[in-house]
Amino acid sequence: MFKEVLAIGGKPGLFKLVSYAKNYVIVESLIDGKRQPAYQSEKISLLRDIVMFGNGGEKKLSQLFKATFELEGGSKVDIDTKNSNALQDFFAKIFPDFDRERIYPNDIKKFVSWYNILIDSKITDFDEVEEEQDNNETGKEKKPQAERADKPKTAAPKNTAKKVSTKSAAPKQATRVSMKKGS
């Protein structure tokens, strides 16, 4: 279920992917359950693809949601979202190495609101998404290496044939213009 959750730029809350169409997708709000189209021109992001910056590397939202779920015991986060220091202290418990220069209090506020929406919607399967992606990525990496090992490397044969022109090779003649005086 988590793999179908979307965030749409400019629209509050989170959405579940319902259906595909030619130029848009049908999404359902996780807040009120209303369905609406989301067009290609809108900024649509899958939550499973979003990462947050750390000093030692990036972390996927699914990993951070899982850490929050374990920290809060499966309940919603209850924090004063107007207090920037409280937000950063809370986030430091989940992601101690987060980059304080690139992750702003508004980003943490959005993270907390998204987490609470997911808990209200009973979407808590953050582990399954990570395992699926890890299996898919390792499977994709191993397959091409195995194929490369089986096939010996050979250089492509060079085309040594001369080009033959289909146009005639007759030389061009200069055009002379003569002007007569007093004609």
N, C-alpha and C. Protein backbone atom coordinates (compact mmCIF):
# COMPACT_ATOMS: atom_id res chain seq x y z
N MET A 1 0.82 -1.19 0.00
CA MET A 1 0.00 0.00 0.00
C MET A 1 0.87 1.26 0.00
N PHE A 2 1.96 1.25 0.76
CA PHE A 2 2.83 2.43 0.83
C PHE A 2 3.43 2.76 -0.53
N LYS A 3 3.63 1.74 -1.37
CA LYS A 3 4.26 1.99 -2.66
C LYS A 3 3.35 2.76 -3.61
N GLU A 4 2.06 2.90 -3.29
CA GLU A 4 1.12 3.63 -4.13
C GLU A 4 0.78 5.01 -3.59
N VAL A 5 1.46 5.45 -2.53
CA VAL A 5 1.16 6.73 -1.90
C VAL A 5 1.94 7.84 -2.61
N LEU A 6 1.23 8.92 -2.94
CA LEU A 6 1.80 10.03 -3.70
C LEU A 6 1.69 11.34 -2.92
N ALA A 7 2.59 12.23 -3.21
CA ALA A 7 2.50 13.62 -2.77
C ALA A 7 2.41 14.45 -4.04
N ILE A 8 1.51 15.42 -4.06
CA ILE A 8 1.33 16.27 -5.23
C ILE A 8 1.64 17.70 -4.82
N GLY A 9 2.57 18.30 -5.53
CA GLY A 9 2.98 19.67 -5.24
C GLY A 9 1.81 20.64 -5.34
N GLY A 10 1.63 21.48 -4.31
CA GLY A 10 0.56 22.46 -4.31
C GLY A 10 -0.75 21.95 -3.74
N LYS A 11 -0.84 20.66 -3.44
CA LYS A 11 -2.06 20.11 -2.85
C LYS A 11 -1.73 19.55 -1.47
N PRO A 12 -2.55 19.85 -0.48
CA PRO A 12 -2.26 19.38 0.87
C PRO A 12 -2.53 17.88 1.02
N GLY A 13 -1.78 17.25 1.91
CA GLY A 13 -2.02 15.85 2.23
C GLY A 13 -1.33 14.89 1.29
N LEU A 14 -1.74 13.63 1.41
CA LEU A 14 -1.20 12.55 0.60
C LEU A 14 -2.33 11.91 -0.20
N PHE A 15 -1.94 11.19 -1.24
CA PHE A 15 -2.92 10.59 -2.13
C PHE A 15 -2.53 9.16 -2.45
N LYS A 16 -3.55 8.35 -2.72
CA LYS A 16 -3.34 6.97 -3.13
C LYS A 16 -3.60 6.88 -4.62
N LEU A 17 -2.73 6.20 -5.34
CA LEU A 17 -2.89 6.02 -6.78
C LEU A 17 -4.02 5.03 -7.03
N VAL A 18 -5.01 5.44 -7.83
CA VAL A 18 -6.17 4.59 -8.11
C VAL A 18 -6.09 4.00 -9.51
N SER A 19 -5.83 4.87 -10.52
CA SER A 19 -5.87 4.42 -11.90
C SER A 19 -5.02 5.34 -12.77
N TYR A 20 -4.64 4.80 -13.92
CA TYR A 20 -3.89 5.56 -14.91
C TYR A 20 -4.80 5.93 -16.07
N ALA A 21 -4.56 7.07 -16.66
CA ALA A 21 -5.23 7.47 -17.89
C ALA A 21 -4.14 7.97 -18.85
N LYS A 22 -4.56 8.48 -20.00
CA LYS A 22 -3.56 8.87 -21.01
C LYS A 22 -2.69 10.04 -20.54
N ASN A 23 -3.29 11.12 -20.08
CA ASN A 23 -2.53 12.31 -19.70
C ASN A 23 -2.59 12.63 -18.22
N TYR A 24 -3.14 11.75 -17.42
CA TYR A 24 -3.26 12.01 -15.99
C TYR A 24 -3.44 10.70 -15.24
N VAL A 25 -3.41 10.80 -13.92
CA VAL A 25 -3.69 9.65 -13.06
C VAL A 25 -4.85 10.04 -12.16
N ILE A 26 -5.61 9.04 -11.74
CA ILE A 26 -6.69 9.26 -10.79
C ILE A 26 -6.13 8.96 -9.41
N VAL A 27 -6.29 9.91 -8.49
CA VAL A 27 -5.79 9.75 -7.13
C VAL A 27 -6.94 9.93 -6.15
N GLU A 28 -6.75 9.32 -4.99
CA GLU A 28 -7.74 9.44 -3.92
C GLU A 28 -7.06 10.02 -2.70
N SER A 29 -7.63 11.05 -2.13
CA SER A 29 -7.05 11.70 -0.96
C SER A 29 -7.11 10.76 0.24
N LEU A 30 -6.01 10.68 0.98
CA LEU A 30 -6.00 9.87 2.19
C LEU A 30 -6.67 10.59 3.35
N ILE A 31 -6.92 11.88 3.19
CA ILE A 31 -7.55 12.66 4.25
C ILE A 31 -9.07 12.51 4.19
N ASP A 32 -9.67 12.79 3.02
CA ASP A 32 -11.13 12.78 2.94
C ASP A 32 -11.69 11.74 1.97
N GLY A 33 -10.84 11.01 1.25
CA GLY A 33 -11.31 9.94 0.36
C GLY A 33 -11.84 10.41 -0.97
N LYS A 34 -11.75 11.69 -1.28
CA LYS A 34 -12.25 12.20 -2.56
C LYS A 34 -11.27 11.86 -3.67
N ARG A 35 -11.84 11.49 -4.82
CA ARG A 35 -11.01 11.17 -5.99
C ARG A 35 -10.93 12.38 -6.91
N GLN A 36 -9.76 12.52 -7.54
CA GLN A 36 -9.55 13.64 -8.45
C GLN A 36 -8.44 13.29 -9.42
N PRO A 37 -8.40 13.97 -10.56
CA PRO A 37 -7.30 13.72 -11.50
C PRO A 37 -6.05 14.51 -11.09
N ALA A 38 -4.90 13.95 -11.38
CA ALA A 38 -3.63 14.64 -11.22
C ALA A 38 -2.96 14.60 -12.59
N TYR A 39 -2.74 15.76 -13.16
CA TYR A 39 -2.24 15.85 -14.52
C TYR A 39 -0.72 15.79 -14.58
N GLN A 40 -0.19 15.54 -15.78
CA GLN A 40 1.25 15.43 -15.98
C GLN A 40 1.99 16.72 -15.64
N SER A 41 1.32 17.84 -15.77
CA SER A 41 1.98 19.11 -15.50
C SER A 41 2.19 19.37 -14.01
N GLU A 42 1.52 18.60 -13.16
CA GLU A 42 1.68 18.77 -11.72
C GLU A 42 2.89 17.97 -11.24
N LYS A 43 3.47 18.43 -10.17
CA LYS A 43 4.63 17.73 -9.62
C LYS A 43 4.13 16.59 -8.72
N ILE A 44 4.21 15.37 -9.24
CA ILE A 44 3.75 14.19 -8.53
C ILE A 44 4.97 13.38 -8.11
N SER A 45 5.03 13.04 -6.82
CA SER A 45 6.17 12.27 -6.31
C SER A 45 5.66 11.08 -5.51
N LEU A 46 6.25 9.92 -5.77
CA LEU A 46 5.96 8.75 -4.95
C LEU A 46 6.74 8.89 -3.65
N LEU A 47 6.09 8.59 -2.53
CA LEU A 47 6.79 8.72 -1.25
C LEU A 47 7.98 7.78 -1.16
N ARG A 48 7.89 6.63 -1.80
CA ARG A 48 8.99 5.67 -1.73
C ARG A 48 10.26 6.18 -2.43
N ASP A 49 10.12 7.20 -3.29
CA ASP A 49 11.27 7.74 -4.02
C ASP A 49 11.89 8.96 -3.36
N ILE A 50 11.22 9.51 -2.34
CA ILE A 50 11.71 10.73 -1.71
C ILE A 50 12.76 10.37 -0.66
N VAL A 51 13.84 11.15 -0.64
CA VAL A 51 14.92 10.95 0.33
C VAL A 51 15.15 12.24 1.09
N MET A 52 15.75 12.11 2.27
CA MET A 52 16.14 13.27 3.06
C MET A 52 17.65 13.24 3.22
N PHE A 53 18.24 14.41 3.22
CA PHE A 53 19.69 14.52 3.22
C PHE A 53 20.27 14.34 4.61
N GLY A 54 21.39 13.63 4.65
CA GLY A 54 22.15 13.48 5.89
C GLY A 54 23.60 13.83 5.63
N ASN A 55 24.34 14.05 6.69
CA ASN A 55 25.76 14.36 6.52
C ASN A 55 26.53 13.16 6.00
N GLY A 56 26.07 11.95 6.31
CA GLY A 56 26.74 10.74 5.87
C GLY A 56 26.09 10.10 4.66
N GLY A 57 25.02 10.65 4.15
CA GLY A 57 24.31 10.08 3.01
C GLY A 57 22.83 10.39 3.10
N GLU A 58 22.08 9.83 2.18
CA GLU A 58 20.64 10.06 2.13
C GLU A 58 19.91 8.90 2.78
N LYS A 59 18.69 9.19 3.28
CA LYS A 59 17.82 8.14 3.81
C LYS A 59 16.46 8.28 3.16
N LYS A 60 15.87 7.14 2.80
CA LYS A 60 14.55 7.15 2.20
C LYS A 60 13.50 7.43 3.26
N LEU A 61 12.39 8.03 2.81
CA LEU A 61 11.31 8.32 3.74
C LEU A 61 10.77 7.05 4.39
N SER A 62 10.75 5.95 3.66
CA SER A 62 10.24 4.70 4.24
C SER A 62 11.06 4.29 5.45
N GLN A 63 12.37 4.47 5.40
CA GLN A 63 13.23 4.15 6.55
C GLN A 63 12.94 5.08 7.72
N LEU A 64 12.73 6.36 7.42
CA LEU A 64 12.44 7.33 8.47
C LEU A 64 11.05 7.11 9.07
N PHE A 65 10.07 6.76 8.24
CA PHE A 65 8.74 6.44 8.76
C PHE A 65 8.79 5.21 9.66
N LYS A 66 9.58 4.23 9.27
CA LYS A 66 9.71 3.02 10.08
C LYS A 66 10.34 3.35 11.44
N ALA A 67 11.39 4.18 11.43
CA ALA A 67 12.04 4.58 12.69
C ALA A 67 11.07 5.37 13.57
N THR A 68 10.25 6.23 12.98
CA THR A 68 9.27 7.00 13.73
C THR A 68 8.20 6.07 14.30
N PHE A 69 7.77 5.10 13.51
CA PHE A 69 6.76 4.13 13.95
C PHE A 69 7.27 3.37 15.17
N GLU A 70 8.53 2.95 15.13
CA GLU A 70 9.11 2.23 16.27
C GLU A 70 9.29 3.15 17.48
N LEU A 71 9.70 4.39 17.25
CA LEU A 71 9.91 5.34 18.34
C LEU A 71 8.60 5.70 19.04
N GLU A 72 7.55 5.89 18.26
CA GLU A 72 6.26 6.30 18.80
C GLU A 72 5.37 5.11 19.18
N GLY A 73 5.83 3.91 18.95
CA GLY A 73 5.03 2.73 19.30
C GLY A 73 3.80 2.57 18.42
N GLY A 74 3.87 3.03 17.20
CA GLY A 74 2.76 2.86 16.26
C GLY A 74 1.69 3.93 16.38
N SER A 75 1.89 4.91 17.23
CA SER A 75 0.89 5.97 17.37
C SER A 75 1.34 7.23 16.63
N LYS A 76 0.44 8.20 16.57
CA LYS A 76 0.73 9.46 15.89
C LYS A 76 1.76 10.26 16.67
N VAL A 77 2.46 11.13 15.95
CA VAL A 77 3.45 12.02 16.57
C VAL A 77 2.69 13.23 17.12
N ASP A 78 2.92 13.50 18.40
CA ASP A 78 2.29 14.66 19.03
C ASP A 78 3.39 15.64 19.41
N ILE A 79 3.56 16.66 18.56
CA ILE A 79 4.63 17.63 18.77
C ILE A 79 4.13 19.00 18.34
N ASP A 80 4.66 20.05 18.98
CA ASP A 80 4.31 21.41 18.62
C ASP A 80 5.03 21.76 17.32
N THR A 81 4.28 21.84 16.23
CA THR A 81 4.90 22.07 14.91
C THR A 81 5.29 23.53 14.70
N LYS A 82 4.95 24.41 15.64
CA LYS A 82 5.36 25.82 15.52
C LYS A 82 6.71 26.07 16.15
N ASN A 83 7.21 25.13 16.93
CA ASN A 83 8.49 25.27 17.62
C ASN A 83 9.58 24.58 16.79
N SER A 84 10.42 25.37 16.14
CA SER A 84 11.46 24.83 15.25
C SER A 84 12.46 23.96 16.01
N ASN A 85 12.85 24.38 17.21
CA ASN A 85 13.81 23.60 17.99
C ASN A 85 13.25 22.24 18.38
N ALA A 86 11.97 22.21 18.75
CA ALA A 86 11.33 20.94 19.12
C ALA A 86 11.26 20.01 17.92
N LEU A 87 10.98 20.56 16.74
CA LEU A 87 10.93 19.75 15.52
C LEU A 87 12.30 19.15 15.21
N GLN A 88 13.36 19.98 15.30
CA GLN A 88 14.70 19.48 15.01
C GLN A 88 15.16 18.46 16.05
N ASP A 89 14.82 18.67 17.31
CA ASP A 89 15.18 17.69 18.36
C ASP A 89 14.46 16.37 18.13
N PHE A 90 13.19 16.44 17.76
CA PHE A 90 12.44 15.21 17.46
C PHE A 90 13.05 14.48 16.28
N PHE A 91 13.38 15.22 15.21
CA PHE A 91 13.91 14.59 14.01
C PHE A 91 15.30 14.00 14.26
N ALA A 92 16.04 14.62 15.16
CA ALA A 92 17.37 14.11 15.50
C ALA A 92 17.29 12.75 16.18
N LYS A 93 16.17 12.45 16.84
CA LYS A 93 15.98 11.12 17.45
C LYS A 93 15.81 10.05 16.37
N ILE A 94 15.18 10.44 15.27
CA ILE A 94 14.92 9.49 14.18
C ILE A 94 16.13 9.38 13.26
N PHE A 95 16.70 10.52 12.93
CA PHE A 95 17.79 10.62 11.96
C PHE A 95 18.88 11.51 12.56
N PRO A 96 19.72 10.94 13.44
CA PRO A 96 20.69 11.75 14.17
C PRO A 96 21.67 12.51 13.27
N ASP A 97 21.93 11.99 12.09
CA ASP A 97 22.94 12.57 11.20
C ASP A 97 22.33 13.46 10.12
N PHE A 98 21.09 13.97 10.34
CA PHE A 98 20.46 14.75 9.28
C PHE A 98 21.18 16.09 9.09
N ASP A 99 21.14 16.56 7.85
CA ASP A 99 21.82 17.78 7.47
C ASP A 99 20.95 18.98 7.86
N ARG A 100 21.34 19.68 8.91
CA ARG A 100 20.55 20.79 9.43
C ARG A 100 20.54 22.00 8.49
N GLU A 101 21.46 22.06 7.56
CA GLU A 101 21.49 23.17 6.62
C GLU A 101 20.56 22.94 5.42
N ARG A 102 20.29 21.68 5.09
CA ARG A 102 19.45 21.39 3.92
C ARG A 102 18.06 20.90 4.28
N ILE A 103 17.85 20.48 5.53
CA ILE A 103 16.51 20.07 5.97
C ILE A 103 16.00 21.16 6.90
N TYR A 104 14.99 21.88 6.44
CA TYR A 104 14.43 23.00 7.17
C TYR A 104 13.30 22.54 8.09
N PRO A 105 12.94 23.34 9.07
CA PRO A 105 11.81 23.00 9.96
C PRO A 105 10.51 22.72 9.20
N ASN A 106 10.29 23.42 8.08
CA ASN A 106 9.09 23.15 7.27
C ASN A 106 9.12 21.75 6.69
N ASP A 107 10.30 21.25 6.32
CA ASP A 107 10.42 19.89 5.81
C ASP A 107 10.06 18.88 6.90
N ILE A 108 10.52 19.13 8.11
CA ILE A 108 10.23 18.23 9.23
C ILE A 108 8.74 18.29 9.57
N LYS A 109 8.17 19.48 9.49
CA LYS A 109 6.73 19.64 9.75
C LYS A 109 5.92 18.82 8.73
N LYS A 110 6.33 18.88 7.47
CA LYS A 110 5.65 18.11 6.42
C LYS A 110 5.82 16.61 6.67
N PHE A 111 7.02 16.20 7.08
CA PHE A 111 7.28 14.80 7.39
C PHE A 111 6.34 14.32 8.51
N VAL A 112 6.21 15.11 9.57
CA VAL A 112 5.35 14.74 10.70
C VAL A 112 3.89 14.66 10.25
N SER A 113 3.44 15.62 9.45
CA SER A 113 2.04 15.58 8.99
C SER A 113 1.80 14.38 8.07
N TRP A 114 2.75 14.06 7.19
CA TRP A 114 2.60 12.89 6.33
C TRP A 114 2.56 11.61 7.16
N TYR A 115 3.43 11.52 8.16
CA TYR A 115 3.45 10.33 9.02
C TYR A 115 2.09 10.18 9.71
N ASN A 116 1.55 11.26 10.25
CA ASN A 116 0.27 11.18 10.94
C ASN A 116 -0.86 10.80 9.99
N ILE A 117 -0.82 11.28 8.75
CA ILE A 117 -1.82 10.89 7.75
C ILE A 117 -1.72 9.39 7.46
N LEU A 118 -0.50 8.88 7.33
CA LEU A 118 -0.32 7.45 7.07
C LEU A 118 -0.83 6.60 8.23
N ILE A 119 -0.58 7.04 9.45
CA ILE A 119 -1.06 6.30 10.63
C ILE A 119 -2.58 6.32 10.68
N ASP A 120 -3.19 7.48 10.41
CA ASP A 120 -4.66 7.58 10.38
C ASP A 120 -5.25 6.67 9.31
N SER A 121 -4.55 6.52 8.19
CA SER A 121 -5.03 5.68 7.08
C SER A 121 -4.65 4.22 7.25
N LYS A 122 -3.99 3.90 8.37
CA LYS A 122 -3.55 2.53 8.68
C LYS A 122 -2.57 1.97 7.63
N ILE A 123 -1.72 2.83 7.13
CA ILE A 123 -0.66 2.42 6.20
C ILE A 123 0.63 2.39 7.00
N THR A 124 1.04 1.18 7.38
CA THR A 124 2.23 1.05 8.23
C THR A 124 3.19 -0.01 7.71
N ASP A 125 3.06 -0.41 6.48
CA ASP A 125 3.92 -1.47 5.91
C ASP A 125 5.17 -0.88 5.25
N PHE A 126 5.97 -0.18 6.03
CA PHE A 126 7.17 0.48 5.49
C PHE A 126 8.27 -0.52 5.16
N ASP A 127 8.32 -1.66 5.85
CA ASP A 127 9.36 -2.67 5.63
C ASP A 127 9.24 -3.31 4.26
N GLU A 128 8.03 -3.63 3.84
CA GLU A 128 7.81 -4.36 2.59
C GLU A 128 8.35 -3.59 1.39
N VAL A 129 8.20 -2.28 1.40
CA VAL A 129 8.67 -1.47 0.29
C VAL A 129 10.18 -1.54 0.18
N GLU A 130 10.87 -1.43 1.31
CA GLU A 130 12.33 -1.47 1.30
C GLU A 130 12.82 -2.82 0.79
N GLU A 131 12.21 -3.92 1.27
CA GLU A 131 12.64 -5.25 0.86
C GLU A 131 12.41 -5.46 -0.63
N GLU A 132 11.25 -5.02 -1.14
CA GLU A 132 10.96 -5.16 -2.57
C GLU A 132 11.98 -4.41 -3.41
N GLN A 133 12.26 -3.16 -3.03
CA GLN A 133 13.20 -2.36 -3.80
C GLN A 133 14.60 -2.95 -3.73
N ASP A 134 15.01 -3.42 -2.55
CA ASP A 134 16.33 -4.02 -2.42
C ASP A 134 16.45 -5.26 -3.29
N ASN A 135 15.41 -6.11 -3.29
CA ASN A 135 15.43 -7.32 -4.12
C ASN A 135 15.47 -6.97 -5.60
N ASN A 136 14.67 -5.99 -6.00
CA ASN A 136 14.65 -5.60 -7.41
C ASN A 136 15.99 -5.01 -7.84
N GLU A 137 16.57 -4.18 -7.00
CA GLU A 137 17.84 -3.55 -7.36
C GLU A 137 18.96 -4.56 -7.44
N THR A 138 19.04 -5.49 -6.48
CA THR A 138 20.12 -6.48 -6.52
C THR A 138 19.91 -7.44 -7.67
N GLY A 139 18.67 -7.77 -7.98
CA GLY A 139 18.40 -8.66 -9.11
C GLY A 139 18.80 -8.01 -10.42
N LYS A 140 18.54 -6.72 -10.55
CA LYS A 140 18.90 -6.01 -11.78
C LYS A 140 20.41 -5.89 -11.92
N GLU A 141 21.09 -5.70 -10.81
CA GLU A 141 22.54 -5.53 -10.88
C GLU A 141 23.24 -6.84 -11.23
N LYS A 142 22.76 -7.94 -10.69
CA LYS A 142 23.43 -9.22 -10.90
C LYS A 142 23.24 -9.75 -12.32
N LYS A 143 22.08 -9.54 -12.87
CA LYS A 143 21.77 -10.08 -14.18
C LYS A 143 22.71 -9.56 -15.28
N PRO A 144 22.89 -8.25 -15.42
CA PRO A 144 23.78 -7.79 -16.48
C PRO A 144 25.22 -8.26 -16.29
N GLN A 145 25.70 -8.36 -15.04
CA GLN A 145 27.06 -8.81 -14.82
C GLN A 145 27.22 -10.25 -15.27
N ALA A 146 26.21 -11.08 -15.00
CA ALA A 146 26.28 -12.48 -15.40
C ALA A 146 26.30 -12.59 -16.92
N GLU A 147 25.48 -11.78 -17.59
CA GLU A 147 25.45 -11.82 -19.04
C GLU A 147 26.78 -11.37 -19.63
N ARG A 148 27.39 -10.38 -19.02
CA ARG A 148 28.66 -9.88 -19.52
C ARG A 148 29.76 -10.93 -19.37
N ALA A 149 29.72 -11.69 -18.29
CA ALA A 149 30.76 -12.69 -18.05
C ALA A 149 30.68 -13.82 -19.08
N ASP A 150 29.47 -14.15 -19.53
CA ASP A 150 29.30 -15.24 -20.49
C ASP A 150 29.77 -14.85 -21.89
N LYS A 151 29.59 -13.61 -22.26
CA LYS A 151 29.91 -13.18 -23.62
C LYS A 151 31.31 -12.59 -23.66
N PRO A 152 32.17 -13.12 -24.57
CA PRO A 152 33.51 -12.52 -24.69
C PRO A 152 33.41 -11.17 -25.39
N LYS A 153 34.30 -10.29 -25.02
CA LYS A 153 34.30 -8.96 -25.63
C LYS A 153 34.97 -9.04 -27.00
N THR A 154 34.26 -8.55 -27.99
CA THR A 154 34.82 -8.49 -29.34
C THR A 154 34.56 -7.10 -29.90
N ALA A 155 35.51 -6.63 -30.66
CA ALA A 155 35.35 -5.32 -31.27
C ALA A 155 34.44 -5.44 -32.48
N ALA A 156 33.68 -4.44 -32.71
CA ALA A 156 32.80 -4.43 -33.86
C ALA A 156 33.65 -4.32 -35.12
N PRO A 157 33.30 -5.07 -36.18
CA PRO A 157 34.10 -5.00 -37.40
C PRO A 157 33.96 -3.62 -38.04
N LYS A 158 35.09 -3.14 -38.54
CA LYS A 158 35.08 -1.83 -39.18
C LYS A 158 34.69 -1.99 -40.64
N ASN A 159 33.97 -1.02 -41.12
CA ASN A 159 33.55 -1.03 -42.51
C ASN A 159 34.70 -0.43 -43.33
N THR A 160 35.37 -1.28 -44.09
CA THR A 160 36.53 -0.83 -44.86
C THR A 160 36.20 -0.59 -46.33
N ALA A 161 34.97 -0.80 -46.73
CA ALA A 161 34.58 -0.61 -48.13
C ALA A 161 34.59 0.88 -48.47
N LYS A 162 34.98 1.17 -49.73
CA LYS A 162 35.01 2.55 -50.18
C LYS A 162 33.60 3.01 -50.48
N LYS A 163 33.36 4.28 -50.23
CA LYS A 163 32.06 4.84 -50.57
C LYS A 163 32.01 5.08 -52.07
N VAL A 164 30.92 4.70 -52.64
CA VAL A 164 30.73 4.90 -54.07
C VAL A 164 29.65 5.95 -54.22
N SER A 165 29.98 6.98 -54.99
CA SER A 165 29.03 8.06 -55.18
C SER A 165 28.11 7.72 -56.36
N THR A 166 26.87 8.05 -56.22
CA THR A 166 25.92 7.79 -57.31
C THR A 166 25.81 8.99 -58.23
N LYS A 167 26.41 10.09 -57.86
CA LYS A 167 26.35 11.29 -58.70
C LYS A 167 27.47 11.22 -59.73
N SER A 168 27.25 11.88 -60.87
CA SER A 168 28.30 11.89 -61.90
C SER A 168 29.44 12.77 -61.44
N ALA A 169 30.61 12.43 -61.88
CA ALA A 169 31.80 13.15 -61.45
C ALA A 169 32.26 14.17 -62.48
N ALA A 170 31.38 14.63 -63.32
CA ALA A 170 31.75 15.61 -64.35
C ALA A 170 32.05 16.94 -63.68
N PRO A 171 33.09 17.61 -64.14
CA PRO A 171 33.43 18.90 -63.52
C PRO A 171 32.39 19.96 -63.84
N LYS A 172 32.23 20.87 -62.91
CA LYS A 172 31.27 21.95 -63.11
C LYS A 172 31.89 22.98 -64.05
N GLN A 173 31.07 23.51 -64.94
CA GLN A 173 31.54 24.54 -65.87
C GLN A 173 31.15 25.90 -65.33
N ALA A 174 32.03 26.83 -65.48
CA ALA A 174 31.77 28.19 -65.03
C ALA A 174 30.80 28.87 -65.98
N THR A 175 29.93 29.65 -65.47
CA THR A 175 28.97 30.38 -66.29
C THR A 175 29.54 31.76 -66.54
N ARG A 176 29.57 32.15 -67.83
CA ARG A 176 30.10 33.46 -68.18
C ARG A 176 28.96 34.38 -68.51
N VAL A 177 29.09 35.57 -68.04
CA VAL A 177 28.10 36.59 -68.33
C VAL A 177 28.77 37.68 -69.13
N SER A 178 28.26 37.98 -70.30
CA SER A 178 28.85 39.04 -71.08
C SER A 178 27.87 40.20 -71.15
N MET A 179 28.40 41.32 -71.04
CA MET A 179 27.57 42.52 -71.10
C MET A 179 27.98 43.32 -72.34
N LYS A 180 27.05 43.71 -73.12
CA LYS A 180 27.33 44.50 -74.32
C LYS A 180 27.01 45.94 -74.03
N LYS A 181 27.90 46.81 -74.47
CA LYS A 181 27.66 48.22 -74.29
C LYS A 181 26.82 48.74 -75.44
N GLY A 182 25.91 49.60 -75.10
CA GLY A 182 25.14 50.32 -76.08
C GLY A 182 24.19 49.46 -76.90
N SER A 183 23.75 48.40 -76.45
CA SER A 183 22.86 47.58 -77.25
C SER A 183 21.54 48.16 -77.41
